[in-house]
Amino acid sequence: MIEPALLGLPVEAMLRVRVGPARAEAVAAALADNVHVRYASFVTGEHQVLVLAALPSESALYDFVTRAPWLRDVASVDTSLVLSSLKRGGMLARRSGD
């Protein structure tokens, strides 16, 4: 696994997407096709789609969660910035100073 920051994508976010059942597959497919989405899955509970995205800037993240076409079918998006990753793809992530 390559650190997104090494590819010019230092801003990572976890998105929990709430979408009606009839549109869940279309929204998930649109997200999965997006170049900034590293991981997308259907989940149970209050939200239906879980997404990990890596973007070049906070302004790009803002556009992604406020202006992207897939948002037309979405009831809500809860967004959390990833502050630090401890493990990626089954391997412990290197920490600063290691």
C-alpha atoms as a PDB file:
ATOM      1  CA  MET A   1       0.000   0.000   0.000  1.00  0.00           C
ATOM      2  CA  ILE A   2       1.261   3.434  -0.919  1.00  0.00           C
ATOM      3  CA  GLU A   3       0.650   6.365   1.387  1.00  0.00           C
ATOM      4  CA  PRO A   4      -1.773   8.737  -0.399  1.00  0.00           C
ATOM      5  CA  ALA A   5       0.350  11.751   0.572  1.00  0.00           C
ATOM      6  CA  LEU A   6       3.212  10.333  -1.534  1.00  0.00           C
ATOM      7  CA  LEU A   7       0.860  10.491  -4.526  1.00  0.00           C
ATOM      8  CA  GLY A   8      -0.088  14.116  -3.840  1.00  0.00           C
ATOM      9  CA  LEU A   9      -3.260  13.224  -1.909  1.00  0.00           C
ATOM     10  CA  PRO A  10      -2.555  14.311   1.679  1.00  0.00           C
ATOM     11  CA  VAL A  11      -6.194  14.861   2.731  1.00  0.00           C
ATOM     12  CA  GLU A  12      -7.984  11.656   3.698  1.00  0.00           C
ATOM     13  CA  ALA A  13     -11.580  11.471   4.837  1.00  0.00           C
ATOM     14  CA  MET A  14     -14.022   8.813   5.944  1.00  0.00           C
ATOM     15  CA  LEU A  15     -17.548   9.400   4.616  1.00  0.00           C
ATOM     16  CA  ARG A  16     -20.684   7.763   5.951  1.00  0.00           C
ATOM     17  CA  VAL A  17     -23.388   8.178   3.319  1.00  0.00           C
ATOM     18  CA  ARG A  18     -27.125   7.924   3.992  1.00  0.00           C
ATOM     19  CA  VAL A  19     -29.131   7.084   0.884  1.00  0.00           C
ATOM     20  CA  GLY A  20     -32.529   5.565   0.168  1.00  0.00           C
ATOM     21  CA  PRO A  21     -32.610   1.864  -0.746  1.00  0.00           C
ATOM     22  CA  ALA A  22     -33.692   2.506  -4.341  1.00  0.00           C
ATOM     23  CA  ARG A  23     -30.603   4.680  -5.025  1.00  0.00           C
ATOM     24  CA  ALA A  24     -27.970   2.980  -2.861  1.00  0.00           C
ATOM     25  CA  GLU A  25     -26.439   0.926  -5.674  1.00  0.00           C
ATOM     26  CA  ALA A  26     -26.255   3.892  -8.074  1.00  0.00           C
ATOM     27  CA  VAL A  27     -24.616   6.122  -5.458  1.00  0.00           C
ATOM     28  CA  ALA A  28     -22.150   3.390  -4.443  1.00  0.00           C
ATOM     29  CA  ALA A  29     -21.255   2.745  -8.103  1.00  0.00           C
ATOM     30  CA  ALA A  30     -20.650   6.452  -8.728  1.00  0.00           C
ATOM     31  CA  LEU A  31     -18.430   6.643  -5.656  1.00  0.00           C
ATOM     32  CA  ALA A  32     -16.534   3.477  -6.576  1.00  0.00           C
ATOM     33  CA  ASP A  33     -15.807   4.955 -10.026  1.00  0.00           C
ATOM     34  CA  ASN A  34     -14.367   8.165  -8.558  1.00  0.00           C
ATOM     35  CA  VAL A  35     -10.547   8.347  -8.712  1.00  0.00           C
ATOM     36  CA  HIS A  36     -10.334   9.786  -5.206  1.00  0.00           C
ATOM     37  CA  VAL A  37     -12.251   6.932  -3.572  1.00  0.00           C
ATOM     38  CA  ARG A  38      -9.886   4.309  -2.175  1.00  0.00           C
ATOM     39  CA  TYR A  39     -12.530   2.156  -0.497  1.00  0.00           C
ATOM     40  CA  ALA A  40     -16.315   1.898  -0.738  1.00  0.00           C
ATOM     41  CA  SER A  41     -18.656  -0.648   0.815  1.00  0.00           C
ATOM     42  CA  PHE A  42     -22.272  -1.202   1.734  1.00  0.00           C
ATOM     43  CA  VAL A  43     -22.832  -1.252   5.484  1.00  0.00           C
ATOM     44  CA  THR A  44     -25.746  -1.792   7.823  1.00  0.00           C
ATOM     45  CA  GLY A  45     -27.108   0.727  10.265  1.00  0.00           C
ATOM     46  CA  GLU A  46     -27.925   4.398   9.976  1.00  0.00           C
ATOM     47  CA  HIS A  47     -25.743   4.833   6.875  1.00  0.00           C
ATOM     48  CA  GLN A  48     -25.712   2.617   3.818  1.00  0.00           C
ATOM     49  CA  VAL A  49     -22.326   3.352   2.223  1.00  0.00           C
ATOM     50  CA  LEU A  50     -18.914   3.739   3.854  1.00  0.00           C
ATOM     51  CA  VAL A  51     -16.181   5.496   1.861  1.00  0.00           C
ATOM     52  CA  LEU A  52     -12.508   6.305   2.353  1.00  0.00           C
ATOM     53  CA  ALA A  53     -11.325   9.078   0.037  1.00  0.00           C
ATOM     54  CA  ALA A  54      -7.937  10.706  -0.526  1.00  0.00           C
ATOM     55  CA  LEU A  55      -7.803  14.154  -2.094  1.00  0.00           C
ATOM     56  CA  PRO A  56      -5.190  16.785  -2.933  1.00  0.00           C
ATOM     57  CA  SER A  57      -6.564  19.507  -0.639  1.00  0.00           C
ATOM     58  CA  GLU A  58      -9.254  20.448   1.846  1.00  0.00           C
ATOM     59  CA  SER A  59     -10.930  22.559  -0.844  1.00  0.00           C
ATOM     60  CA  ALA A  60     -11.073  19.463  -3.093  1.00  0.00           C
ATOM     61  CA  LEU A  61     -12.686  17.553  -0.210  1.00  0.00           C
ATOM     62  CA  TYR A  62     -15.191  20.375   0.233  1.00  0.00           C
ATOM     63  CA  ASP A  63     -16.123  20.180  -3.455  1.00  0.00           C
ATOM     64  CA  PHE A  64     -16.348  16.376  -3.253  1.00  0.00           C
ATOM     65  CA  VAL A  65     -18.893  16.475  -0.403  1.00  0.00           C
ATOM     66  CA  THR A  66     -20.884  19.519  -1.584  1.00  0.00           C
ATOM     67  CA  ARG A  67     -20.838  19.617  -5.400  1.00  0.00           C
ATOM     68  CA  ALA A  68     -20.303  16.095  -6.778  1.00  0.00           C
ATOM     69  CA  PRO A  69     -23.037  14.656  -9.038  1.00  0.00           C
ATOM     70  CA  TRP A  70     -23.543  11.580  -6.812  1.00  0.00           C
ATOM     71  CA  LEU A  71     -24.925  13.868  -4.087  1.00  0.00           C
ATOM     72  CA  ARG A  72     -28.234  14.340  -5.948  1.00  0.00           C
ATOM     73  CA  ASP A  73     -29.494  10.993  -4.579  1.00  0.00           C
ATOM     74  CA  VAL A  74     -28.026  11.295  -1.076  1.00  0.00           C
ATOM     75  CA  ALA A  75     -29.935  12.197   2.087  1.00  0.00           C
ATOM     76  CA  SER A  76     -26.786  13.093   4.078  1.00  0.00           C
ATOM     77  CA  VAL A  77     -23.023  12.662   4.269  1.00  0.00           C
ATOM     78  CA  ASP A  78     -21.131  12.576   7.553  1.00  0.00           C
ATOM     79  CA  THR A  79     -17.481  13.405   6.924  1.00  0.00           C
ATOM     80  CA  SER A  80     -14.521  12.821   9.241  1.00  0.00           C
ATOM     81  CA  LEU A  81     -10.928  13.772   8.463  1.00  0.00           C
ATOM     82  CA  VAL A  82      -8.410  10.970   8.941  1.00  0.00           C
ATOM     83  CA  LEU A  83      -5.736  12.352  11.262  1.00  0.00           C
ATOM     84  CA  SER A  84      -3.332   9.413  11.165  1.00  0.00           C
ATOM     85  CA  SER A  85      -3.408   5.868   9.809  1.00  0.00           C
ATOM     86  CA  LEU A  86      -2.011   3.120  11.975  1.00  0.00           C
ATOM     87  CA  LYS A  87      -2.488   0.209   9.581  1.00  0.00           C
ATOM     88  CA  ARG A  88      -3.071  -0.038   5.818  1.00  0.00           C
ATOM     89  CA  GLY A  89      -3.727  -3.143   3.757  1.00  0.00           C
ATOM     90  CA  GLY A  90      -2.760  -5.491   6.567  1.00  0.00           C
ATOM     91  CA  MET A  91       0.553  -3.758   7.264  1.00  0.00           C
ATOM     92  CA  LEU A  92       1.359  -1.370  10.078  1.00  0.00           C
ATOM     93  CA  ALA A  93       1.795   2.158   8.745  1.00  0.00           C
ATOM     94  CA  ARG A  94       5.077   3.947   9.320  1.00  0.00           C
ATOM     95  CA  ARG A  95       4.704   6.805  11.752  1.00  0.00           C
ATOM     96  CA  SER A  96       6.594  10.084  11.642  1.00  0.00           C
ATOM     97  CA  GLY A  97      10.004   9.617  13.231  1.00  0.00           C
ATOM     98  CA  ASP A  98      10.027   5.827  12.752  1.00  0.00           C
END
